[in-house]
Amino acid sequence: MDLRPAQSCDLPALSSLVEQLGYSPTSIKDLFALYSKGPSMGLWVATHEGKVVGCLAFHVLKQFHGGNLFRIVSLIVDAAYRRRGVGRLLIELAEKEAREKGCEAVELTSALRRKPDGSHEFYRQLGYLDSGACGKCYFRKALV
């Protein structure tokens, strides 16, 4: 398994990964351009024998009250490669990047509908706590 920054030739595979989660990849080209730009954002892929089998997108937030926060905005593993260590490698990469960027924590969200497929337990096994256990609430307001 290899990990590397995403390249434009990965766009079809990234679109396929996004579709596997039930989302529309209509803006994947724009997102690729955005996440490939600078030190505060990143898009990496996991490959096996040259095939993209997973991806990790992140950004670093400079918190108003101090410190940096590393936010995983997407972690997707191809359905055919799940439970083979790809997700763990991508999380390890995220944590390494976070440390190198001086972040005090890594955070992510996982939809409630992902619980039955084992996603929530996967994160717990890697030491991630749900927001209730961290003493936080996650608030969101749709604007469209």
Protein backbone atom coordinates (compact mmCIF):
# COMPACT_ATOMS: atom_id res chain seq x y z
CA MET A 1 0.00 0.00 0.00
CA ASP A 2 1.34 3.42 -0.95
CA LEU A 3 0.22 6.87 0.20
CA ARG A 4 0.78 10.00 -1.89
CA PRO A 5 -0.73 13.41 -2.59
CA ALA A 6 -3.61 13.14 -5.06
CA GLN A 7 -2.93 14.00 -8.69
CA SER A 8 -5.27 15.15 -11.44
CA CYS A 9 -5.14 11.66 -12.98
CA ASP A 10 -6.87 10.41 -9.78
CA LEU A 11 -10.08 12.38 -10.42
CA PRO A 12 -12.07 9.44 -11.88
CA ALA A 13 -11.12 7.22 -8.93
CA LEU A 14 -11.93 9.99 -6.43
CA SER A 15 -15.33 10.44 -8.07
CA SER A 16 -15.98 6.72 -7.73
CA LEU A 17 -15.05 6.77 -4.03
CA VAL A 18 -17.39 9.71 -3.37
CA GLU A 19 -20.21 7.90 -5.20
CA GLN A 20 -19.68 4.80 -3.05
CA LEU A 21 -20.71 6.88 -0.04
CA GLY A 22 -23.85 8.03 -1.80
CA TYR A 23 -22.71 11.56 -2.59
CA SER A 24 -22.58 13.34 -5.93
CA PRO A 25 -19.03 13.98 -7.15
CA THR A 26 -20.11 16.88 -9.40
CA SER A 27 -17.54 19.31 -8.00
CA ILE A 28 -14.65 16.87 -7.52
CA LYS A 29 -12.45 18.75 -10.00
CA ASP A 30 -12.95 22.04 -8.12
CA LEU A 31 -12.42 20.35 -4.76
CA PHE A 32 -9.23 18.72 -6.04
CA ALA A 33 -7.93 22.14 -7.11
CA LEU A 34 -8.83 23.66 -3.74
CA TYR A 35 -7.40 20.89 -1.57
CA SER A 36 -4.19 20.68 -3.58
CA LYS A 37 -3.28 24.34 -3.04
CA GLY A 38 -1.49 24.96 0.18
CA PRO A 39 -0.14 23.89 3.53
CA SER A 40 -3.46 24.27 5.34
CA MET A 41 -5.33 21.79 3.11
CA GLY A 42 -4.50 18.42 1.65
CA LEU A 43 -5.81 15.54 -0.40
CA TRP A 44 -4.00 12.21 -0.29
CA VAL A 45 -4.72 8.85 -1.86
CA ALA A 46 -3.92 5.29 -0.87
CA THR A 47 -2.97 3.07 -3.79
CA HIS A 48 -2.59 -0.66 -4.16
CA GLU A 49 -0.73 -1.88 -7.23
CA GLY A 50 -1.33 1.53 -8.84
CA LYS A 51 -5.07 1.60 -8.17
CA VAL A 52 -6.55 4.31 -5.93
CA VAL A 53 -8.29 2.47 -3.08
CA GLY A 54 -8.80 5.28 -0.57
CA CYS A 55 -8.50 8.98 0.06
CA LEU A 56 -8.06 11.48 2.86
CA ALA A 57 -8.97 15.17 2.64
CA PHE A 58 -8.15 17.57 5.46
CA HIS A 59 -7.66 21.15 6.46
CA VAL A 60 -5.93 22.88 9.33
CA LEU A 61 -7.88 25.48 11.27
CA LYS A 62 -6.16 28.26 13.16
CA GLN A 63 -8.41 28.59 16.19
CA PHE A 64 -9.30 32.09 17.33
CA HIS A 65 -8.44 31.25 20.94
CA GLY A 66 -5.09 29.74 19.94
CA GLY A 67 -3.67 26.53 18.60
CA ASN A 68 -4.24 24.62 15.40
CA LEU A 69 -6.90 22.00 14.83
CA PHE A 70 -6.60 19.31 12.16
CA ARG A 71 -9.95 18.41 10.61
CA ILE A 72 -10.44 15.30 8.50
CA VAL A 73 -13.18 16.30 6.09
CA SER A 74 -13.22 13.05 4.15
CA LEU A 75 -11.82 9.58 4.64
CA ILE A 76 -13.08 7.03 2.13
CA VAL A 77 -11.92 3.48 1.46
CA ASP A 78 -13.09 1.57 -1.60
CA ALA A 79 -15.67 -1.02 -0.55
CA ALA A 80 -13.53 -3.85 -1.95
CA TYR A 81 -10.57 -2.81 0.25
CA ARG A 82 -12.26 -2.15 3.58
CA ARG A 83 -11.00 -3.99 6.65
CA ARG A 84 -7.56 -4.40 5.05
CA GLY A 85 -5.76 -1.63 6.92
CA VAL A 86 -6.23 1.16 4.35
CA GLY A 87 -8.28 3.35 6.69
CA ARG A 88 -5.80 2.84 9.51
CA LEU A 89 -2.93 3.92 7.23
CA LEU A 90 -4.84 7.04 6.19
CA ILE A 91 -5.58 7.92 9.84
CA GLU A 92 -1.90 7.40 10.72
CA LEU A 93 -0.99 9.74 7.85
CA ALA A 94 -3.50 12.31 9.12
CA GLU A 95 -2.05 12.18 12.63
CA LYS A 96 1.50 12.52 11.28
CA GLU A 97 0.49 15.53 9.16
CA ALA A 98 -1.31 17.04 12.16
CA ARG A 99 1.77 16.74 14.37
CA GLU A 100 3.99 18.23 11.66
CA LYS A 101 1.60 21.18 11.33
CA GLY A 102 1.59 21.83 15.08
CA CYS A 103 -2.01 20.77 15.66
CA GLU A 104 -3.24 20.02 19.16
CA ALA A 105 -6.01 17.63 18.05
CA VAL A 106 -7.53 15.79 15.11
CA GLU A 107 -11.28 15.88 14.64
CA LEU A 108 -13.70 14.34 12.20
CA THR A 109 -17.37 13.62 11.80
CA SER A 110 -19.02 10.37 10.81
CA ALA A 111 -22.66 10.24 9.79
CA LEU A 112 -25.01 8.30 12.06
CA ARG A 113 -25.90 6.11 9.09
CA ARG A 114 -22.27 4.89 9.05
CA LYS A 115 -22.54 3.27 12.48
CA PRO A 116 -23.90 -0.10 11.22
CA ASP A 117 -20.99 -0.52 8.80
CA GLY A 118 -18.49 -0.27 11.67
CA SER A 119 -17.13 3.22 10.95
CA HIS A 120 -17.82 4.55 14.45
CA GLU A 121 -16.21 1.56 16.12
CA PHE A 122 -13.20 1.90 13.77
CA TYR A 123 -12.58 5.45 15.00
CA ARG A 124 -13.10 4.46 18.64
CA GLN A 125 -10.52 1.66 18.27
CA LEU A 126 -8.04 4.28 17.07
CA GLY A 127 -8.61 6.41 20.17
CA TYR A 128 -11.19 8.89 18.85
CA LEU A 129 -13.99 9.92 21.20
CA ASP A 130 -17.46 10.98 20.15
CA SER A 131 -18.30 14.64 20.77
CA GLY A 132 -20.36 13.84 23.85
CA ALA A 133 -17.34 12.21 25.44
CA CYS A 134 -15.30 15.33 24.64
CA GLY A 135 -17.81 17.63 26.30
CA LYS A 136 -18.86 19.26 23.03
CA CYS A 137 -22.00 19.47 20.95
CA TYR A 138 -21.95 19.57 17.19
CA PHE A 139 -24.34 22.24 15.90
CA ARG A 140 -25.28 22.78 12.29
CA LYS A 141 -27.74 25.02 10.47
CA ALA A 142 -28.56 24.49 6.79
CA LEU A 143 -28.51 27.72 4.81
CA VAL A 144 -29.88 26.40 1.53
